[in-house]
Amino acid sequence: MATRDRKGLAVMDIVSVVTQVVKGQQRVIESQKDEIASQRDLIERWGERLEALDTKLKL
């Protein structure tokens, strides 16, 4: 961080903070990708069930 004779932040300190923020965002993105995939699977299964019900009702 800053020394006594210098006020401010060192570039490496800023880079470290930004890197941690980016890593955190990447974890969130990966979690969201997993959730989206799960929701797509669920939607597909519900669609298949609706098609099956529709087929039965038309008979």
Protein backbone atom coordinates (compact mmCIF):
# COMPACT_ATOMS: atom_id res chain seq x y z
CA MET A 1 0.00 0.00 0.00
CA ALA A 2 1.06 3.62 0.37
CA THR A 3 4.19 4.48 2.29
CA ARG A 4 4.45 7.27 4.86
CA ASP A 5 6.09 9.64 2.42
CA ARG A 6 3.77 8.74 -0.46
CA LYS A 7 0.02 9.06 -0.39
CA GLY A 8 -1.90 6.86 -2.79
CA LEU A 9 -2.01 3.31 -3.99
CA ALA A 10 0.63 1.34 -5.76
CA VAL A 11 -0.31 -0.02 -9.17
CA MET A 12 0.19 -3.58 -7.97
CA ASP A 13 -2.26 -3.01 -5.12
CA ILE A 14 -4.89 -1.89 -7.62
CA VAL A 15 -4.14 -4.83 -9.90
CA SER A 16 -4.51 -7.21 -6.97
CA VAL A 17 -7.93 -5.82 -6.05
CA VAL A 18 -9.14 -5.84 -9.65
CA THR A 19 -7.92 -9.42 -10.08
CA GLN A 20 -9.88 -10.54 -7.04
CA VAL A 21 -13.00 -8.78 -8.30
CA VAL A 22 -12.68 -10.43 -11.71
CA LYS A 23 -12.22 -13.85 -10.09
CA GLY A 24 -15.35 -13.29 -8.03
CA GLN A 25 -17.30 -12.26 -11.11
CA GLN A 26 -16.08 -15.35 -12.96
CA ARG A 27 -17.37 -17.57 -10.15
CA VAL A 28 -20.76 -15.86 -10.38
CA ILE A 29 -20.81 -16.28 -14.17
CA GLU A 30 -20.00 -20.00 -13.90
CA SER A 31 -22.74 -20.45 -11.32
CA GLN A 32 -25.21 -18.64 -13.57
CA LYS A 33 -24.21 -20.82 -16.54
CA ASP A 34 -24.93 -23.93 -14.45
CA GLU A 35 -28.29 -22.53 -13.37
CA ILE A 36 -29.24 -21.65 -16.95
CA ALA A 37 -28.33 -25.15 -18.13
CA SER A 38 -30.45 -26.64 -15.35
CA GLN A 39 -33.39 -24.41 -16.25
CA ARG A 40 -33.08 -25.30 -19.94
CA ASP A 41 -33.19 -29.00 -19.06
CA LEU A 42 -36.26 -28.44 -16.91
CA ILE A 43 -38.00 -26.46 -19.66
CA GLU A 44 -37.22 -29.23 -22.15
CA ARG A 45 -38.67 -31.88 -19.85
CA TRP A 46 -41.82 -29.82 -19.27
CA GLY A 47 -42.15 -29.32 -23.02
CA GLU A 48 -41.95 -33.06 -23.58
CA ARG A 49 -44.60 -33.65 -20.91
CA LEU A 50 -46.87 -31.03 -22.46
CA GLU A 51 -46.50 -32.62 -25.88
CA ALA A 52 -47.36 -36.03 -24.42
CA LEU A 53 -50.44 -34.61 -22.69
CA ASP A 54 -51.49 -32.80 -25.84
CA THR A 55 -51.19 -36.02 -27.81
CA LYS A 56 -53.32 -37.89 -25.25
CA LEU A 57 -56.00 -35.18 -25.22
CA LYS A 58 -56.33 -35.22 -29.00
CA LEU A 59 -57.27 -38.90 -29.00
